[in-house]
Amino acid sequence: MLHRSHHSQSGQHSHWIILCLVICASNIQVTAAAEEVPNAAPGEYWSIQFENDFFAQSGDRYYTHGTQISRTVMDNPVPWIFNIASFFPVFESDGEIKGVTYTIGQKIFTPDDTETAGIVIDDRPYAGYLYISAAMLSRVSKKDNIDTGNLVELTLSIVGPSAMGEETQTGFHNLIDIDSSNGWDNQLDDELGFGLSYTRFWRYIKPSGSLDYGMTPHVNIVLGNIYTYAATGVMFRLGTYLNNDLSPPNIRPGFPGLSLFRPSQKISWYIFSGVEGRIVARNIFLDGNTFTDSHSVDKNILVGDFQFGFVFQTKSIRFSISNMIRSKEFETQKDNTNFGAINISFLL
């Protein structure tokens, strides 16, 4: 369906909506007591994630940019997030390691053809996405070289002009002096988003001489008007001191990762690679707006990711760099989506 042009009043509310999202994120309070939790150092764990197709030298198209900032506090969760997690009969905890991660982020999507000012019928819609989330982490069990954990995550978001995808992309392009995309007048309309997800993961680590070998399978289900899908995958790791962490965070959809890690005076590193497959029932960035007519394309139900990268940790700082290859997400997509990611996580 064709998308009508946006009126100026949609932009008048954008700053108020963004301000509300930021206030919600910044006013979530918990009491840090990480010293009571085994394997966790006192303080707060922070993570900054940048994802961009520029890192993969694929140009501005499809999923073109993502920024995410996360804060993890290891402590008994605040009651409201614990009550939400309790609704999941599969959510479990051994009572030893638990915490909450609070996140704010933005994603930007554009078609392959960014020079055309009108709608490109067979290409994906323009869209901006601004979100906040709270995720409760809990260890389920630990024995020998295997431990099990799970996450319940609640996400609130806005899609459309109020997410300021156009302003972010245009501002960055002006900064580096390259042409801006011309079709933002056709982006998806403003729509509030809600999502609830559950993730179960298993971390297996086997020492092998001077190096450790690790394997982390996972399953994930997401329900909401932005994304609805089921996923499963596995990550393989090879390096030193793999029990320091699970893996660096990713912007969803993608592999589960945590800003949490174990600080150490010893330098550690590892290489990793993994695959994830998803059955997608809903993707607003392809299906279009839920309640209004908008540009849309026919999505592929089956989507796969392949990710590989490198992690380096020294003391209370962890760096990672990775590349993601995502299979075609809609029927008329010319080729795979390719983007890179840079993450820095640290303990305060």
C-alpha atoms as a PDB file:
ATOM      1  CA  MET A   1       0.000   0.000   0.000  1.00  0.00           C
ATOM      2  CA  LEU A   2       1.137   3.507  -0.715  1.00  0.00           C
ATOM      3  CA  HIS A   3       2.121   5.733   2.160  1.00  0.00           C
ATOM      4  CA  ARG A   4       0.781   9.224   2.596  1.00  0.00           C
ATOM      5  CA  SER A   5       3.241  12.091   3.203  1.00  0.00           C
ATOM      6  CA  HIS A   6       3.774  13.096   6.822  1.00  0.00           C
ATOM      7  CA  HIS A   7       2.341  16.355   8.062  1.00  0.00           C
ATOM      8  CA  SER A   8       4.355  18.844  10.015  1.00  0.00           C
ATOM      9  CA  GLN A   9       2.414  18.243  13.237  1.00  0.00           C
ATOM     10  CA  SER A  10       3.969  14.766  13.616  1.00  0.00           C
ATOM     11  CA  GLY A  11       7.358  16.374  14.123  1.00  0.00           C
ATOM     12  CA  GLN A  12       5.955  18.823  16.712  1.00  0.00           C
ATOM     13  CA  HIS A  13       5.475  16.018  19.227  1.00  0.00           C
ATOM     14  CA  SER A  14       8.763  14.214  18.601  1.00  0.00           C
ATOM     15  CA  HIS A  15      10.863  15.996  21.192  1.00  0.00           C
ATOM     16  CA  TRP A  16       8.197  15.509  23.879  1.00  0.00           C
ATOM     17  CA  ILE A  17       7.956  11.775  23.183  1.00  0.00           C
ATOM     18  CA  ILE A  18      11.733  11.350  23.210  1.00  0.00           C
ATOM     19  CA  LEU A  19      11.981  13.363  26.435  1.00  0.00           C
ATOM     20  CA  CYS A  20       9.416  11.078  28.070  1.00  0.00           C
ATOM     21  CA  LEU A  21      11.340   7.972  26.989  1.00  0.00           C
ATOM     22  CA  VAL A  22      14.610   9.343  28.357  1.00  0.00           C
ATOM     23  CA  ILE A  23      12.972  10.383  31.646  1.00  0.00           C
ATOM     24  CA  CYS A  24      11.477   6.897  32.030  1.00  0.00           C
ATOM     25  CA  ALA A  25      14.877   5.306  31.449  1.00  0.00           C
ATOM     26  CA  SER A  26      16.810   7.652  33.715  1.00  0.00           C
ATOM     27  CA  ASN A  27      14.371   7.451  36.662  1.00  0.00           C
ATOM     28  CA  ILE A  28      14.422   3.663  37.050  1.00  0.00           C
ATOM     29  CA  GLN A  29      16.106   3.235  40.415  1.00  0.00           C
ATOM     30  CA  VAL A  30      17.529   0.177  42.163  1.00  0.00           C
ATOM     31  CA  THR A  31      19.893  -0.262  45.082  1.00  0.00           C
ATOM     32  CA  ALA A  32      23.226  -1.732  44.068  1.00  0.00           C
ATOM     33  CA  ALA A  33      24.410  -4.585  46.268  1.00  0.00           C
ATOM     34  CA  ALA A  34      26.612  -6.490  43.875  1.00  0.00           C
ATOM     35  CA  GLU A  35      28.958  -7.549  46.637  1.00  0.00           C
ATOM     36  CA  GLU A  36      26.224  -9.983  47.778  1.00  0.00           C
ATOM     37  CA  VAL A  37      26.190 -11.750  44.417  1.00  0.00           C
ATOM     38  CA  PRO A  38      28.895 -14.355  43.659  1.00  0.00           C
ATOM     39  CA  ASN A  39      31.198 -13.560  40.726  1.00  0.00           C
ATOM     40  CA  ALA A  40      29.971  -9.954  40.498  1.00  0.00           C
ATOM     41  CA  ALA A  41      32.023  -6.925  41.469  1.00  0.00           C
ATOM     42  CA  PRO A  42      30.406  -3.966  43.279  1.00  0.00           C
ATOM     43  CA  GLY A  43      29.200  -1.192  41.015  1.00  0.00           C
ATOM     44  CA  GLU A  44      27.247  -0.824  37.800  1.00  0.00           C
ATOM     45  CA  TYR A  45      27.989  -2.463  34.472  1.00  0.00           C
ATOM     46  CA  TRP A  46      27.550  -0.203  31.447  1.00  0.00           C
ATOM     47  CA  SER A  47      27.602  -1.041  27.760  1.00  0.00           C
ATOM     48  CA  ILE A  48      27.655   1.116  24.615  1.00  0.00           C
ATOM     49  CA  GLN A  49      26.874  -0.612  21.337  1.00  0.00           C
ATOM     50  CA  PHE A  50      27.225   0.839  17.819  1.00  0.00           C
ATOM     51  CA  GLU A  51      26.007  -1.078  14.766  1.00  0.00           C
ATOM     52  CA  ASN A  52      26.352   0.325  11.260  1.00  0.00           C
ATOM     53  CA  ASP A  53      26.509  -0.906   7.693  1.00  0.00           C
ATOM     54  CA  PHE A  54      29.427   1.497   7.176  1.00  0.00           C
ATOM     55  CA  PHE A  55      31.607  -0.853   9.276  1.00  0.00           C
ATOM     56  CA  ALA A  56      30.880  -3.598   6.746  1.00  0.00           C
ATOM     57  CA  GLN A  57      31.376  -1.256   3.769  1.00  0.00           C
ATOM     58  CA  SER A  58      27.894  -2.014   2.460  1.00  0.00           C
ATOM     59  CA  GLY A  59      26.524   1.546   2.210  1.00  0.00           C
ATOM     60  CA  ASP A  60      23.290   2.968   3.621  1.00  0.00           C
ATOM     61  CA  ARG A  61      20.578   0.373   3.062  1.00  0.00           C
ATOM     62  CA  TYR A  62      18.250  -1.963   4.946  1.00  0.00           C
ATOM     63  CA  TYR A  63      19.306  -1.904   8.627  1.00  0.00           C
ATOM     64  CA  THR A  64      21.699   0.994   8.410  1.00  0.00           C
ATOM     65  CA  HIS A  65      22.431   2.048  12.006  1.00  0.00           C
ATOM     66  CA  GLY A  66      21.817   1.180  15.657  1.00  0.00           C
ATOM     67  CA  THR A  67      22.953   2.718  18.940  1.00  0.00           C
ATOM     68  CA  GLN A  68      22.257   1.165  22.340  1.00  0.00           C
ATOM     69  CA  ILE A  69      23.275   2.088  25.889  1.00  0.00           C
ATOM     70  CA  SER A  70      22.698  -0.414  28.696  1.00  0.00           C
ATOM     71  CA  ARG A  71      23.117  -0.364  32.475  1.00  0.00           C
ATOM     72  CA  THR A  72      23.154  -3.600  34.480  1.00  0.00           C
ATOM     73  CA  VAL A  73      22.785  -3.733  38.260  1.00  0.00           C
ATOM     74  CA  MET A  74      23.311  -7.044  40.040  1.00  0.00           C
ATOM     75  CA  ASP A  75      20.777  -7.060  42.846  1.00  0.00           C
ATOM     76  CA  ASN A  76      17.326  -8.245  43.823  1.00  0.00           C
ATOM     77  CA  PRO A  77      15.051  -6.870  41.086  1.00  0.00           C
ATOM     78  CA  VAL A  78      12.498  -4.144  41.714  1.00  0.00           C
ATOM     79  CA  PRO A  79       9.035  -5.694  42.301  1.00  0.00           C
ATOM     80  CA  TRP A  80       7.405  -4.744  39.000  1.00  0.00           C
ATOM     81  CA  ILE A  81       9.975  -6.456  36.790  1.00  0.00           C
ATOM     82  CA  PHE A  82      10.014  -9.479  39.100  1.00  0.00           C
ATOM     83  CA  ASN A  83       6.204  -9.714  38.857  1.00  0.00           C
ATOM     84  CA  ILE A  84       6.369  -9.628  35.057  1.00  0.00           C
ATOM     85  CA  ALA A  85       9.011 -12.358  35.023  1.00  0.00           C
ATOM     86  CA  SER A  86       6.894 -14.450  37.399  1.00  0.00           C
ATOM     87  CA  PHE A  87       4.115 -14.631  34.796  1.00  0.00           C
ATOM     88  CA  PHE A  88       6.415 -16.827  32.686  1.00  0.00           C
ATOM     89  CA  PRO A  89       6.093 -20.409  33.944  1.00  0.00           C
ATOM     90  CA  VAL A  90       9.458 -21.229  32.341  1.00  0.00           C
ATOM     91  CA  PHE A  91      11.321 -18.412  34.134  1.00  0.00           C
ATOM     92  CA  GLU A  92      13.534 -19.895  36.840  1.00  0.00           C
ATOM     93  CA  SER A  93      16.143 -18.790  39.347  1.00  0.00           C
ATOM     94  CA  ASP A  94      18.545 -20.538  41.686  1.00  0.00           C
ATOM     95  CA  GLY A  95      18.617 -17.367  43.795  1.00  0.00           C
ATOM     96  CA  GLU A  96      22.374 -16.911  43.435  1.00  0.00           C
ATOM     97  CA  ILE A  97      22.954 -14.621  40.445  1.00  0.00           C
ATOM     98  CA  LYS A  98      20.307 -12.173  39.334  1.00  0.00           C
ATOM     99  CA  GLY A  99      20.112  -8.589  38.127  1.00  0.00           C
ATOM    100  CA  VAL A 100      18.337  -6.137  35.867  1.00  0.00           C
ATOM    101  CA  THR A 101      19.556  -4.484  32.662  1.00  0.00           C
ATOM    102  CA  TYR A 102      18.040  -1.143  31.613  1.00  0.00           C
ATOM    103  CA  THR A 103      18.506  -0.092  27.988  1.00  0.00           C
ATOM    104  CA  ILE A 104      17.790   2.843  25.703  1.00  0.00           C
ATOM    105  CA  GLY A 105      18.485   2.671  21.976  1.00  0.00           C
ATOM    106  CA  GLN A 106      17.694   3.766  18.440  1.00  0.00           C
ATOM    107  CA  LYS A 107      17.620   1.920  15.093  1.00  0.00           C
ATOM    108  CA  ILE A 108      17.394   3.300  11.552  1.00  0.00           C
ATOM    109  CA  PHE A 109      16.132   1.519   8.430  1.00  0.00           C
ATOM    110  CA  THR A 110      16.268   2.708   4.811  1.00  0.00           C
ATOM    111  CA  PRO A 111      15.680   1.124   1.396  1.00  0.00           C
ATOM    112  CA  ASP A 112      18.530   0.208  -0.922  1.00  0.00           C
ATOM    113  CA  ASP A 113      17.574   3.121  -3.191  1.00  0.00           C
ATOM    114  CA  THR A 114      18.006   6.250  -1.065  1.00  0.00           C
ATOM    115  CA  GLU A 115      18.236   8.689  -3.987  1.00  0.00           C
ATOM    116  CA  THR A 116      14.581   8.421  -5.027  1.00  0.00           C
ATOM    117  CA  ALA A 117      12.325  10.883  -3.193  1.00  0.00           C
ATOM    118  CA  GLY A 118       9.150   8.865  -3.765  1.00  0.00           C
ATOM    119  CA  ILE A 119       8.157   5.450  -2.482  1.00  0.00           C
ATOM    120  CA  VAL A 120      10.225   2.580  -3.891  1.00  0.00           C
ATOM    121  CA  ILE A 121       7.471  -0.039  -4.070  1.00  0.00           C
ATOM    122  CA  ASP A 122       9.659  -3.163  -4.020  1.00  0.00           C
ATOM    123  CA  ASP A 123      12.098  -1.868  -1.388  1.00  0.00           C
ATOM    124  CA  ARG A 124      11.754  -1.726   2.381  1.00  0.00           C
ATOM    125  CA  PRO A 125      10.202   1.360   4.057  1.00  0.00           C
ATOM    126  CA  TYR A 126      12.120   4.118   5.782  1.00  0.00           C
ATOM    127  CA  ALA A 127      11.740   3.851   9.546  1.00  0.00           C
ATOM    128  CA  GLY A 128      13.175   5.116  12.800  1.00  0.00           C
ATOM    129  CA  TYR A 129      12.847   3.180  16.049  1.00  0.00           C
ATOM    130  CA  LEU A 130      13.448   4.516  19.578  1.00  0.00           C
ATOM    131  CA  TYR A 131      13.062   2.200  22.554  1.00  0.00           C
ATOM    132  CA  ILE A 132      13.653   1.594  26.258  1.00  0.00           C
ATOM    133  CA  SER A 133      13.666  -1.800  27.928  1.00  0.00           C
ATOM    134  CA  ALA A 134      14.159  -3.583  31.225  1.00  0.00           C
ATOM    135  CA  ALA A 135      15.438  -7.165  31.288  1.00  0.00           C
ATOM    136  CA  MET A 136      15.595  -9.420  34.336  1.00  0.00           C
ATOM    137  CA  LEU A 137      18.539 -11.825  34.337  1.00  0.00           C
ATOM    138  CA  SER A 138      18.576 -14.942  36.494  1.00  0.00           C
ATOM    139  CA  ARG A 139      20.833 -17.969  36.712  1.00  0.00           C
ATOM    140  CA  VAL A 140      18.829 -21.182  36.572  1.00  0.00           C
ATOM    141  CA  SER A 141      21.490 -23.713  37.554  1.00  0.00           C
ATOM    142  CA  LYS A 142      25.214 -24.410  37.532  1.00  0.00           C
ATOM    143  CA  LYS A 143      27.103 -27.714  37.576  1.00  0.00           C
ATOM    144  CA  ASP A 144      30.461 -28.858  36.275  1.00  0.00           C
ATOM    145  CA  ASN A 145      31.273 -26.853  33.116  1.00  0.00           C
ATOM    146  CA  ILE A 146      27.665 -25.950  32.286  1.00  0.00           C
ATOM    147  CA  ASP A 147      25.507 -23.158  33.649  1.00  0.00           C
ATOM    148  CA  THR A 148      22.031 -22.096  32.555  1.00  0.00           C
ATOM    149  CA  GLY A 149      20.395 -18.683  32.627  1.00  0.00           C
ATOM    150  CA  ASN A 150      17.312 -16.881  31.423  1.00  0.00           C
ATOM    151  CA  LEU A 151      16.108 -13.384  30.619  1.00  0.00           C
ATOM    152  CA  VAL A 152      12.673 -11.767  30.592  1.00  0.00           C
ATOM    153  CA  GLU A 153      12.638  -8.404  28.809  1.00  0.00           C
ATOM    154  CA  LEU A 154       9.937  -5.740  28.533  1.00  0.00           C
ATOM    155  CA  THR A 155      10.315  -3.117  25.763  1.00  0.00           C
ATOM    156  CA  LEU A 156       8.420   0.150  25.200  1.00  0.00           C
ATOM    157  CA  SER A 157       9.095   2.072  22.007  1.00  0.00           C
ATOM    158  CA  ILE A 158       8.048   4.500  19.304  1.00  0.00           C
ATOM    159  CA  VAL A 159       8.286   3.951  15.544  1.00  0.00           C
ATOM    160  CA  GLY A 160       7.998   6.827  13.077  1.00  0.00           C
ATOM    161  CA  PRO A 161       9.060  10.471  12.810  1.00  0.00           C
ATOM    162  CA  SER A 162       9.082  10.850  16.615  1.00  0.00           C
ATOM    163  CA  ALA A 163      11.909   8.300  16.775  1.00  0.00           C
ATOM    164  CA  MET A 164      14.049  10.883  14.919  1.00  0.00           C
ATOM    165  CA  GLY A 165      15.699   8.445  12.541  1.00  0.00           C
ATOM    166  CA  GLU A 166      15.789  11.057   9.792  1.00  0.00           C
ATOM    167  CA  GLU A 167      17.381  13.686  12.035  1.00  0.00           C
ATOM    168  CA  THR A 168      20.015  11.268  13.302  1.00  0.00           C
ATOM    169  CA  GLN A 169      21.005  10.004   9.872  1.00  0.00           C
ATOM    170  CA  THR A 170      20.926  13.420   8.195  1.00  0.00           C
ATOM    171  CA  GLY A 171      22.924  15.021  11.002  1.00  0.00           C
ATOM    172  CA  PHE A 172      25.618  12.356  10.794  1.00  0.00           C
ATOM    173  CA  HIS A 173      25.770  12.556   6.995  1.00  0.00           C
ATOM    174  CA  ASN A 174      26.159  16.345   7.210  1.00  0.00           C
ATOM    175  CA  LEU A 175      28.943  15.862   9.756  1.00  0.00           C
ATOM    176  CA  ILE A 176      30.951  13.593   7.452  1.00  0.00           C
ATOM    177  CA  ASP A 177      29.890  15.515   4.322  1.00  0.00           C
ATOM    178  CA  ILE A 178      28.022  12.847   2.360  1.00  0.00           C
ATOM    179  CA  ASP A 179      24.629  12.963   0.645  1.00  0.00           C
ATOM    180  CA  SER A 180      21.514  12.418   2.742  1.00  0.00           C
ATOM    181  CA  SER A 181      18.695  10.001   1.944  1.00  0.00           C
ATOM    182  CA  ASN A 182      15.873  11.633  -0.025  1.00  0.00           C
ATOM    183  CA  GLY A 183      12.832   9.525   0.837  1.00  0.00           C
ATOM    184  CA  TRP A 184      12.249  10.162   4.531  1.00  0.00           C
ATOM    185  CA  ASP A 185       8.872  11.812   3.812  1.00  0.00           C
ATOM    186  CA  ASN A 186       7.615   8.276   3.156  1.00  0.00           C
ATOM    187  CA  GLN A 187       8.704   6.738   6.449  1.00  0.00           C
ATOM    188  CA  LEU A 188       6.356   4.732   8.664  1.00  0.00           C
ATOM    189  CA  ASP A 189       3.864   6.685  10.765  1.00  0.00           C
ATOM    190  CA  ASP A 190       4.204   7.198  14.495  1.00  0.00           C
ATOM    191  CA  GLU A 191       3.187   4.079  16.413  1.00  0.00           C
ATOM    192  CA  LEU A 192       3.766   3.163  20.038  1.00  0.00           C
ATOM    193  CA  GLY A 193       5.347  -0.238  20.469  1.00  0.00           C
ATOM    194  CA  PHE A 194       5.250  -2.925  23.119  1.00  0.00           C
ATOM    195  CA  GLY A 195       7.295  -6.103  23.323  1.00  0.00           C
ATOM    196  CA  LEU A 196       7.800  -8.954  25.759  1.00  0.00           C
ATOM    197  CA  SER A 197      10.521 -11.556  25.270  1.00  0.00           C
ATOM    198  CA  TYR A 198      11.930 -14.618  26.996  1.00  0.00           C
ATOM    199  CA  THR A 199      15.414 -16.067  26.428  1.00  0.00           C
ATOM    200  CA  ARG A 200      16.938 -19.276  27.797  1.00  0.00           C
ATOM    201  CA  PHE A 201      20.658 -19.911  27.278  1.00  0.00           C
ATOM    202  CA  TRP A 202      23.159 -22.604  28.236  1.00  0.00           C
ATOM    203  CA  ARG A 203      26.856 -21.798  28.656  1.00  0.00           C
ATOM    204  CA  TYR A 204      29.298 -24.674  28.250  1.00  0.00           C
ATOM    205  CA  ILE A 205      33.033 -24.073  28.821  1.00  0.00           C
ATOM    206  CA  LYS A 206      35.761 -26.700  28.497  1.00  0.00           C
ATOM    207  CA  PRO A 207      39.400 -25.904  29.265  1.00  0.00           C
ATOM    208  CA  SER A 208      41.805 -27.103  26.576  1.00  0.00           C
ATOM    209  CA  GLY A 209      45.431 -26.467  27.434  1.00  0.00           C
ATOM    210  CA  SER A 210      46.172 -22.743  27.442  1.00  0.00           C
ATOM    211  CA  LEU A 211      42.842 -21.975  25.730  1.00  0.00           C
ATOM    212  CA  ASP A 212      39.211 -22.507  26.642  1.00  0.00           C
ATOM    213  CA  TYR A 213      36.526 -23.747  24.281  1.00  0.00           C
ATOM    214  CA  GLY A 214      32.951 -22.593  24.778  1.00  0.00           C
ATOM    215  CA  MET A 215      29.531 -23.193  23.280  1.00  0.00           C
ATOM    216  CA  THR A 216      26.364 -21.226  24.111  1.00  0.00           C
ATOM    217  CA  PRO A 217      23.055 -22.470  22.660  1.00  0.00           C
ATOM    218  CA  HIS A 218      19.927 -20.355  23.165  1.00  0.00           C
ATOM    219  CA  VAL A 219      16.214 -20.135  22.427  1.00  0.00           C
ATOM    220  CA  ASN A 220      14.199 -16.916  22.302  1.00  0.00           C
ATOM    221  CA  ILE A 221      10.570 -15.904  21.808  1.00  0.00           C
ATOM    222  CA  VAL A 222       9.383 -12.303  21.283  1.00  0.00           C
ATOM    223  CA  LEU A 223       5.773 -11.079  21.275  1.00  0.00           C
ATOM    224  CA  GLY A 224       4.600  -7.578  20.349  1.00  0.00           C
ATOM    225  CA  ASN A 225       3.411  -5.233  17.630  1.00  0.00           C
ATOM    226  CA  ILE A 226       7.003  -4.354  16.626  1.00  0.00           C
ATOM    227  CA  TYR A 227       8.471  -7.864  16.494  1.00  0.00           C
ATOM    228  CA  THR A 228       6.910 -11.287  16.956  1.00  0.00           C
ATOM    229  CA  TYR A 229       9.237 -14.222  16.306  1.00  0.00           C
ATOM    230  CA  ALA A 230      10.769 -17.396  17.685  1.00  0.00           C
ATOM    231  CA  ALA A 231      14.522 -17.995  17.423  1.00  0.00           C
ATOM    232  CA  THR A 232      17.182 -20.531  18.244  1.00  0.00           C
ATOM    233  CA  GLY A 233      20.931 -20.502  17.726  1.00  0.00           C
ATOM    234  CA  VAL A 234      24.369 -21.244  19.094  1.00  0.00           C
ATOM    235  CA  MET A 235      27.566 -19.260  19.661  1.00  0.00           C
ATOM    236  CA  PHE A 236      31.051 -20.836  19.660  1.00  0.00           C
ATOM    237  CA  ARG A 237      34.018 -19.237  21.454  1.00  0.00           C
ATOM    238  CA  LEU A 238      37.748 -19.954  21.659  1.00  0.00           C
ATOM    239  CA  GLY A 239      40.132 -18.012  23.876  1.00  0.00           C
ATOM    240  CA  THR A 240      41.187 -17.352  27.471  1.00  0.00           C
ATOM    241  CA  TYR A 241      39.091 -17.070  30.648  1.00  0.00           C
ATOM    242  CA  LEU A 242      35.774 -17.677  28.889  1.00  0.00           C
ATOM    243  CA  ASN A 243      34.017 -17.879  32.249  1.00  0.00           C
ATOM    244  CA  ASN A 244      34.464 -14.098  32.565  1.00  0.00           C
ATOM    245  CA  ASP A 245      31.346 -13.457  30.479  1.00  0.00           C
ATOM    246  CA  LEU A 246      28.614 -14.784  28.205  1.00  0.00           C
ATOM    247  CA  SER A 247      29.212 -12.580  25.134  1.00  0.00           C
ATOM    248  CA  PRO A 248      28.900  -8.865  24.353  1.00  0.00           C
ATOM    249  CA  PRO A 249      25.401  -7.401  23.894  1.00  0.00           C
ATOM    250  CA  ASN A 250      23.673  -7.194  20.522  1.00  0.00           C
ATOM    251  CA  ILE A 251      20.770  -5.040  19.434  1.00  0.00           C
ATOM    252  CA  ARG A 252      17.728  -7.288  19.039  1.00  0.00           C
ATOM    253  CA  PRO A 253      16.921  -9.237  17.028  1.00  0.00           C
ATOM    254  CA  GLY A 254      20.240 -10.977  17.442  1.00  0.00           C
ATOM    255  CA  PHE A 255      22.296 -13.162  19.717  1.00  0.00           C
ATOM    256  CA  PRO A 256      21.771 -12.782  23.482  1.00  0.00           C
ATOM    257  CA  GLY A 257      24.628 -11.011  25.228  1.00  0.00           C
ATOM    258  CA  LEU A 258      25.203  -9.142  28.471  1.00  0.00           C
ATOM    259  CA  SER A 259      27.024  -6.019  29.592  1.00  0.00           C
ATOM    260  CA  LEU A 260      27.847  -8.086  32.708  1.00  0.00           C
ATOM    261  CA  PHE A 261      31.337  -9.611  32.896  1.00  0.00           C
ATOM    262  CA  ARG A 262      33.816 -10.614  35.594  1.00  0.00           C
ATOM    263  CA  PRO A 263      36.600  -8.041  36.053  1.00  0.00           C
ATOM    264  CA  SER A 264      40.102  -9.500  36.165  1.00  0.00           C
ATOM    265  CA  GLN A 265      43.662  -8.303  36.555  1.00  0.00           C
ATOM    266  CA  LYS A 266      44.626 -10.722  33.782  1.00  0.00           C
ATOM    267  CA  ILE A 267      44.220  -9.780  30.123  1.00  0.00           C
ATOM    268  CA  SER A 268      41.826 -12.083  28.316  1.00  0.00           C
ATOM    269  CA  TRP A 269      40.550 -12.479  24.772  1.00  0.00           C
ATOM    270  CA  TYR A 270      38.515 -14.769  22.568  1.00  0.00           C
ATOM    271  CA  ILE A 271      37.236 -15.166  19.033  1.00  0.00           C
ATOM    272  CA  PHE A 272      33.623 -16.129  18.440  1.00  0.00           C
ATOM    273  CA  SER A 273      31.182 -17.107  15.716  1.00  0.00           C
ATOM    274  CA  GLY A 274      27.571 -18.177  15.759  1.00  0.00           C
ATOM    275  CA  VAL A 275      24.375 -18.779  13.835  1.00  0.00           C
ATOM    276  CA  GLU A 276      20.763 -17.978  14.686  1.00  0.00           C
ATOM    277  CA  GLY A 277      17.565 -18.849  12.819  1.00  0.00           C
ATOM    278  CA  ARG A 278      14.229 -17.068  13.279  1.00  0.00           C
ATOM    279  CA  ILE A 279      10.620 -17.760  12.329  1.00  0.00           C
ATOM    280  CA  VAL A 280       9.147 -14.270  11.913  1.00  0.00           C
ATOM    281  CA  ALA A 281       5.424 -13.643  12.326  1.00  0.00           C
ATOM    282  CA  ARG A 282       5.614  -9.842  12.666  1.00  0.00           C
ATOM    283  CA  ASN A 283       8.207  -7.231  11.708  1.00  0.00           C
ATOM    284  CA  ILE A 284       6.732  -3.743  11.586  1.00  0.00           C
ATOM    285  CA  PHE A 285       9.708  -2.469   9.585  1.00  0.00           C
ATOM    286  CA  LEU A 286       8.631  -4.728   6.713  1.00  0.00           C
ATOM    287  CA  ASP A 287       4.913  -5.300   7.369  1.00  0.00           C
ATOM    288  CA  GLY A 288       4.229  -1.588   7.855  1.00  0.00           C
ATOM    289  CA  ASN A 289       2.155   0.179  10.492  1.00  0.00           C
ATOM    290  CA  THR A 290      -0.275  -1.924  12.491  1.00  0.00           C
ATOM    291  CA  PHE A 291      -3.229   0.461  12.606  1.00  0.00           C
ATOM    292  CA  THR A 292      -2.756   2.742   9.574  1.00  0.00           C
ATOM    293  CA  ASP A 293      -1.982   2.298   5.875  1.00  0.00           C
ATOM    294  CA  SER A 294       1.713   2.505   5.099  1.00  0.00           C
ATOM    295  CA  HIS A 295       4.383   1.322   2.722  1.00  0.00           C
ATOM    296  CA  SER A 296       5.137  -2.393   3.218  1.00  0.00           C
ATOM    297  CA  VAL A 297       6.857  -5.320   1.514  1.00  0.00           C
ATOM    298  CA  ASP A 298       6.327  -9.088   1.597  1.00  0.00           C
ATOM    299  CA  LYS A 299       8.627 -10.405   4.309  1.00  0.00           C
ATOM    300  CA  ASN A 300      10.404 -13.732   4.438  1.00  0.00           C
ATOM    301  CA  ILE A 301       9.189 -15.930   7.270  1.00  0.00           C
ATOM    302  CA  LEU A 302      12.586 -17.601   7.775  1.00  0.00           C
ATOM    303  CA  VAL A 303      15.596 -15.358   8.517  1.00  0.00           C
ATOM    304  CA  GLY A 304      19.115 -16.366   9.527  1.00  0.00           C
ATOM    305  CA  ASP A 305      22.080 -14.541  11.102  1.00  0.00           C
ATOM    306  CA  PHE A 306      25.766 -15.391  11.000  1.00  0.00           C
ATOM    307  CA  GLN A 307      28.028 -13.400  13.328  1.00  0.00           C
ATOM    308  CA  PHE A 308      31.763 -13.538  13.988  1.00  0.00           C
ATOM    309  CA  GLY A 309      34.098 -11.317  15.954  1.00  0.00           C
ATOM    310  CA  PHE A 310      36.784 -10.715  18.572  1.00  0.00           C
ATOM    311  CA  VAL A 311      36.658  -9.748  22.275  1.00  0.00           C
ATOM    312  CA  PHE A 312      39.445  -8.244  24.384  1.00  0.00           C
ATOM    313  CA  GLN A 313      39.212  -7.577  28.126  1.00  0.00           C
ATOM    314  CA  THR A 314      41.582  -5.824  30.472  1.00  0.00           C
ATOM    315  CA  LYS A 315      40.677  -5.276  34.133  1.00  0.00           C
ATOM    316  CA  SER A 316      37.179  -3.699  34.209  1.00  0.00           C
ATOM    317  CA  ILE A 317      36.864  -2.834  30.501  1.00  0.00           C
ATOM    318  CA  ARG A 318      35.799  -5.129  27.663  1.00  0.00           C
ATOM    319  CA  PHE A 319      35.997  -4.306  23.935  1.00  0.00           C
ATOM    320  CA  SER A 320      34.479  -6.231  21.066  1.00  0.00           C
ATOM    321  CA  ILE A 321      34.214  -5.903  17.312  1.00  0.00           C
ATOM    322  CA  SER A 322      32.057  -8.129  15.115  1.00  0.00           C
ATOM    323  CA  ASN A 323      30.414  -8.525  11.734  1.00  0.00           C
ATOM    324  CA  MET A 324      26.862  -9.716  11.066  1.00  0.00           C
ATOM    325  CA  ILE A 325      25.524 -11.261   7.874  1.00  0.00           C
ATOM    326  CA  ARG A 326      21.707 -11.441   7.859  1.00  0.00           C
ATOM    327  CA  SER A 327      19.835 -13.363   5.184  1.00  0.00           C
ATOM    328  CA  LYS A 328      17.250 -11.649   2.997  1.00  0.00           C
ATOM    329  CA  GLU A 329      14.345 -10.404   5.099  1.00  0.00           C
ATOM    330  CA  PHE A 330      11.856  -9.660   2.302  1.00  0.00           C
ATOM    331  CA  GLU A 331      11.076 -11.249  -1.047  1.00  0.00           C
ATOM    332  CA  THR A 332      12.387  -8.483  -3.309  1.00  0.00           C
ATOM    333  CA  GLN A 333      15.577  -7.822  -1.307  1.00  0.00           C
ATOM    334  CA  LYS A 334      18.576  -7.837  -3.643  1.00  0.00           C
ATOM    335  CA  ASP A 335      21.131  -9.394  -1.307  1.00  0.00           C
ATOM    336  CA  ASN A 336      21.932 -10.100   2.328  1.00  0.00           C
ATOM    337  CA  THR A 337      22.167  -7.422   4.995  1.00  0.00           C
ATOM    338  CA  ASN A 338      25.722  -6.882   6.227  1.00  0.00           C
ATOM    339  CA  PHE A 339      26.699  -4.661   9.145  1.00  0.00           C
ATOM    340  CA  GLY A 340      29.424  -4.352  11.741  1.00  0.00           C
ATOM    341  CA  ALA A 341      29.259  -3.747  15.482  1.00  0.00           C
ATOM    342  CA  ILE A 342      31.536  -2.171  18.071  1.00  0.00           C
ATOM    343  CA  ASN A 343      30.914  -2.580  21.799  1.00  0.00           C
ATOM    344  CA  ILE A 344      32.568  -1.264  24.921  1.00  0.00           C
ATOM    345  CA  SER A 345      31.438  -2.516  28.330  1.00  0.00           C
ATOM    346  CA  PHE A 346      32.861  -1.307  31.623  1.00  0.00           C
ATOM    347  CA  LEU A 347      32.365  -1.429  35.375  1.00  0.00           C
ATOM    348  CA  LEU A 348      31.840   1.734  37.387  1.00  0.00           C
END
